[in-house]
Amino acid sequence: MINPDILDYIEKQSGSDKEICDILSKIIDAELNDAENKIWHSHPVWFLEENPIVGFSRQKKGIRLMFWSGKSFQEEKLNVEGDKFQDASIFFNDKTEINEVDLKRWLKKSVEIQWDYKNLVKRKGELIKLKG
């Protein structure tokens, strides 16, 4: 079930951004039905065992869909990679750009391949691989 705070976040978006966020949230929530979801650092994020897995946010370039362990997915379309960690993203500017087959595959990988962000502070910035 999608957290009411996430639904509020989506409702505050306008036009195509709102459509994109709505589609993403429904697919993510259906595929990660055991995941906790909430607003974290001002945007919607889904967690497995308190580890951030996927989230989206409004940025200048569009709606950014980010997978915390996405670099390890080796997916060509997740081509906006973080410099410091294992994240990878894709930007959407229209709902027609969302490929549901790709998204579901990435979500499956997000469960199978995980880096331990939950304990990043405890490990003083050292990121270790949990799965995959």
C-alpha atoms as a PDB file:
ATOM      1  CA  MET A   1       0.000   0.000   0.000  1.00  0.00           C
ATOM      2  CA  ILE A   2       1.321   3.402  -0.949  1.00  0.00           C
ATOM      3  CA  ASN A   3       2.026   5.706   1.982  1.00  0.00           C
ATOM      4  CA  PRO A   4      -0.408   8.676   2.087  1.00  0.00           C
ATOM      5  CA  ASP A   5       2.583  11.063   2.202  1.00  0.00           C
ATOM      6  CA  ILE A   6       3.722   9.692  -1.170  1.00  0.00           C
ATOM      7  CA  LEU A   7       0.232  10.154  -2.573  1.00  0.00           C
ATOM      8  CA  ASP A   8       0.354  13.778  -1.363  1.00  0.00           C
ATOM      9  CA  TYR A   9       3.740  14.220  -3.049  1.00  0.00           C
ATOM     10  CA  ILE A  10       2.308  12.934  -6.337  1.00  0.00           C
ATOM     11  CA  GLU A  11      -0.790  15.121  -6.012  1.00  0.00           C
ATOM     12  CA  LYS A  12       1.423  18.224  -5.715  1.00  0.00           C
ATOM     13  CA  GLN A  13       3.124  17.503  -9.044  1.00  0.00           C
ATOM     14  CA  SER A  14       1.721  19.065 -12.194  1.00  0.00           C
ATOM     15  CA  GLY A  15       0.876  17.852 -15.686  1.00  0.00           C
ATOM     16  CA  SER A  16       3.060  15.124 -17.089  1.00  0.00           C
ATOM     17  CA  ASP A  17       5.160  14.967 -13.892  1.00  0.00           C
ATOM     18  CA  LYS A  18       2.075  13.895 -11.954  1.00  0.00           C
ATOM     19  CA  GLU A  19       1.239  11.227 -14.555  1.00  0.00           C
ATOM     20  CA  ILE A  20       4.798   9.877 -14.478  1.00  0.00           C
ATOM     21  CA  CYS A  21       4.921   9.766 -10.654  1.00  0.00           C
ATOM     22  CA  ASP A  22       1.532   8.067 -10.511  1.00  0.00           C
ATOM     23  CA  ILE A  23       2.552   5.326 -12.954  1.00  0.00           C
ATOM     24  CA  LEU A  24       5.940   4.788 -11.286  1.00  0.00           C
ATOM     25  CA  SER A  25       4.460   4.571  -7.782  1.00  0.00           C
ATOM     26  CA  LYS A  26       1.811   2.038  -8.812  1.00  0.00           C
ATOM     27  CA  ILE A  27       4.256  -0.237 -10.629  1.00  0.00           C
ATOM     28  CA  ILE A  28       6.911   0.007  -7.904  1.00  0.00           C
ATOM     29  CA  ASP A  29       4.385  -0.677  -5.164  1.00  0.00           C
ATOM     30  CA  ALA A  30       2.916  -3.668  -7.014  1.00  0.00           C
ATOM     31  CA  GLU A  31       6.333  -5.197  -7.722  1.00  0.00           C
ATOM     32  CA  LEU A  32       7.822  -4.475  -4.284  1.00  0.00           C
ATOM     33  CA  ASN A  33       4.720  -5.351  -2.281  1.00  0.00           C
ATOM     34  CA  ASP A  34       6.760  -6.248   0.840  1.00  0.00           C
ATOM     35  CA  ALA A  35       8.652  -2.954   0.801  1.00  0.00           C
ATOM     36  CA  GLU A  36       8.139  -0.098   3.208  1.00  0.00           C
ATOM     37  CA  ASN A  37       7.607   3.218   1.435  1.00  0.00           C
ATOM     38  CA  LYS A  38       7.755   6.771   2.705  1.00  0.00           C
ATOM     39  CA  ILE A  39       8.944  10.274   1.969  1.00  0.00           C
ATOM     40  CA  TRP A  40      12.695  10.288   2.656  1.00  0.00           C
ATOM     41  CA  HIS A  41      14.887  13.322   2.010  1.00  0.00           C
ATOM     42  CA  SER A  42      11.798  15.022   0.512  1.00  0.00           C
ATOM     43  CA  HIS A  43      10.900  12.381  -2.076  1.00  0.00           C
ATOM     44  CA  PRO A  44       9.229   8.929  -2.339  1.00  0.00           C
ATOM     45  CA  VAL A  45      11.498   5.971  -1.529  1.00  0.00           C
ATOM     46  CA  TRP A  46      10.861   2.213  -1.143  1.00  0.00           C
ATOM     47  CA  PHE A  47      12.915   0.212   1.368  1.00  0.00           C
ATOM     48  CA  LEU A  48      13.597  -3.485   1.947  1.00  0.00           C
ATOM     49  CA  GLU A  49      14.659  -4.239   5.518  1.00  0.00           C
ATOM     50  CA  GLU A  50      15.334  -0.512   6.024  1.00  0.00           C
ATOM     51  CA  ASN A  51      17.681  -0.407   3.020  1.00  0.00           C
ATOM     52  CA  PRO A  52      16.693   2.159   0.338  1.00  0.00           C
ATOM     53  CA  ILE A  53      15.999   0.430  -2.961  1.00  0.00           C
ATOM     54  CA  VAL A  54      14.251   2.808  -5.378  1.00  0.00           C
ATOM     55  CA  GLY A  55      12.814   6.282  -5.371  1.00  0.00           C
ATOM     56  CA  PHE A  56      11.838   9.147  -7.623  1.00  0.00           C
ATOM     57  CA  SER A  57      12.044  12.918  -7.491  1.00  0.00           C
ATOM     58  CA  ARG A  58      11.360  16.029  -9.529  1.00  0.00           C
ATOM     59  CA  GLN A  59      14.559  17.573 -10.876  1.00  0.00           C
ATOM     60  CA  LYS A  60      15.390  20.107 -13.611  1.00  0.00           C
ATOM     61  CA  LYS A  61      15.878  17.353 -16.199  1.00  0.00           C
ATOM     62  CA  GLY A  62      12.530  15.694 -15.376  1.00  0.00           C
ATOM     63  CA  ILE A  63      11.359  12.971 -13.028  1.00  0.00           C
ATOM     64  CA  ARG A  64      14.415  11.051 -11.878  1.00  0.00           C
ATOM     65  CA  LEU A  65      13.899   7.356 -11.104  1.00  0.00           C
ATOM     66  CA  MET A  66      16.862   6.229  -9.005  1.00  0.00           C
ATOM     67  CA  PHE A  67      17.943   2.765  -7.950  1.00  0.00           C
ATOM     68  CA  TRP A  68      20.383   2.860  -5.021  1.00  0.00           C
ATOM     69  CA  SER A  69      22.235  -0.238  -6.315  1.00  0.00           C
ATOM     70  CA  GLY A  70      21.533   0.421 -10.008  1.00  0.00           C
ATOM     71  CA  LYS A  71      25.148   0.575 -11.209  1.00  0.00           C
ATOM     72  CA  SER A  72      25.391  -3.140 -10.481  1.00  0.00           C
ATOM     73  CA  PHE A  73      22.319  -3.924 -12.627  1.00  0.00           C
ATOM     74  CA  GLN A  74      24.355  -3.346 -15.809  1.00  0.00           C
ATOM     75  CA  GLU A  75      21.359  -1.801 -17.564  1.00  0.00           C
ATOM     76  CA  GLU A  76      22.111   0.507 -20.501  1.00  0.00           C
ATOM     77  CA  LYS A  77      19.100   2.773 -19.884  1.00  0.00           C
ATOM     78  CA  LEU A  78      20.069   3.412 -16.239  1.00  0.00           C
ATOM     79  CA  ASN A  79      22.855   5.609 -17.528  1.00  0.00           C
ATOM     80  CA  VAL A  80      22.945   8.477 -15.026  1.00  0.00           C
ATOM     81  CA  GLU A  81      25.368   7.006 -12.520  1.00  0.00           C
ATOM     82  CA  GLY A  82      26.457   8.409  -9.203  1.00  0.00           C
ATOM     83  CA  ASP A  83      30.112   9.290  -8.699  1.00  0.00           C
ATOM     84  CA  LYS A  84      30.452   8.229  -5.087  1.00  0.00           C
ATOM     85  CA  PHE A  85      28.072   5.307  -4.586  1.00  0.00           C
ATOM     86  CA  GLN A  86      26.357   2.508  -6.553  1.00  0.00           C
ATOM     87  CA  ASP A  87      23.271   4.442  -7.688  1.00  0.00           C
ATOM     88  CA  ALA A  88      22.007   4.723 -11.242  1.00  0.00           C
ATOM     89  CA  SER A  89      19.071   6.659 -12.642  1.00  0.00           C
ATOM     90  CA  ILE A  90      16.931   7.444 -15.637  1.00  0.00           C
ATOM     91  CA  PHE A  91      14.923  10.609 -16.328  1.00  0.00           C
ATOM     92  CA  PHE A  92      11.375  10.768 -17.675  1.00  0.00           C
ATOM     93  CA  ASN A  93       9.588  13.781 -19.178  1.00  0.00           C
ATOM     94  CA  ASP A  94       6.496  12.002 -20.477  1.00  0.00           C
ATOM     95  CA  LYS A  95       4.602   8.919 -19.337  1.00  0.00           C
ATOM     96  CA  THR A  96       5.116   7.331 -22.773  1.00  0.00           C
ATOM     97  CA  GLU A  97       8.848   7.099 -22.001  1.00  0.00           C
ATOM     98  CA  ILE A  98       8.205   4.582 -19.211  1.00  0.00           C
ATOM     99  CA  ASN A  99       8.841   1.053 -20.431  1.00  0.00           C
ATOM    100  CA  GLU A 100       6.979  -1.196 -17.995  1.00  0.00           C
ATOM    101  CA  VAL A 101       8.942  -4.305 -18.993  1.00  0.00           C
ATOM    102  CA  ASP A 102      12.251  -2.532 -18.282  1.00  0.00           C
ATOM    103  CA  LEU A 103      10.947  -1.082 -15.019  1.00  0.00           C
ATOM    104  CA  LYS A 104       9.769  -4.467 -13.741  1.00  0.00           C
ATOM    105  CA  ARG A 105      13.128  -6.046 -14.658  1.00  0.00           C
ATOM    106  CA  TRP A 106      14.995  -3.274 -12.793  1.00  0.00           C
ATOM    107  CA  LEU A 107      12.727  -3.710  -9.775  1.00  0.00           C
ATOM    108  CA  LYS A 108      13.419  -7.453  -9.768  1.00  0.00           C
ATOM    109  CA  LYS A 109      17.152  -6.708  -9.883  1.00  0.00           C
ATOM    110  CA  SER A 110      16.734  -4.197  -7.044  1.00  0.00           C
ATOM    111  CA  VAL A 111      15.624  -7.074  -4.799  1.00  0.00           C
ATOM    112  CA  GLU A 112      18.359  -9.458  -6.026  1.00  0.00           C
ATOM    113  CA  ILE A 113      21.253  -6.951  -6.068  1.00  0.00           C
ATOM    114  CA  GLN A 114      21.699  -4.699  -3.056  1.00  0.00           C
ATOM    115  CA  TRP A 115      24.407  -2.576  -1.522  1.00  0.00           C
ATOM    116  CA  ASP A 116      24.112  -1.841   2.206  1.00  0.00           C
ATOM    117  CA  TYR A 117      23.101   1.808   2.452  1.00  0.00           C
ATOM    118  CA  LYS A 118      21.325   1.213   5.761  1.00  0.00           C
ATOM    119  CA  ASN A 119      24.659   0.862   7.603  1.00  0.00           C
ATOM    120  CA  LEU A 120      26.651   3.392   5.566  1.00  0.00           C
ATOM    121  CA  VAL A 121      27.062   5.840   8.465  1.00  0.00           C
ATOM    122  CA  LYS A 122      27.896   3.058  10.928  1.00  0.00           C
ATOM    123  CA  ARG A 123      30.607   1.857   8.528  1.00  0.00           C
ATOM    124  CA  LYS A 124      31.947   5.416   8.163  1.00  0.00           C
ATOM    125  CA  GLY A 125      31.062   5.701   4.474  1.00  0.00           C
ATOM    126  CA  GLU A 126      32.176   2.230   3.441  1.00  0.00           C
ATOM    127  CA  LEU A 127      29.582   0.658   1.168  1.00  0.00           C
ATOM    128  CA  ILE A 128      29.466  -3.148   1.031  1.00  0.00           C
ATOM    129  CA  LYS A 129      27.458  -5.447  -1.204  1.00  0.00           C
ATOM    130  CA  LEU A 130      24.663  -7.407   0.494  1.00  0.00           C
ATOM    131  CA  LYS A 131      23.264  -9.436  -2.408  1.00  0.00           C
ATOM    132  CA  GLY A 132      24.039 -10.187  -6.015  1.00  0.00           C
END
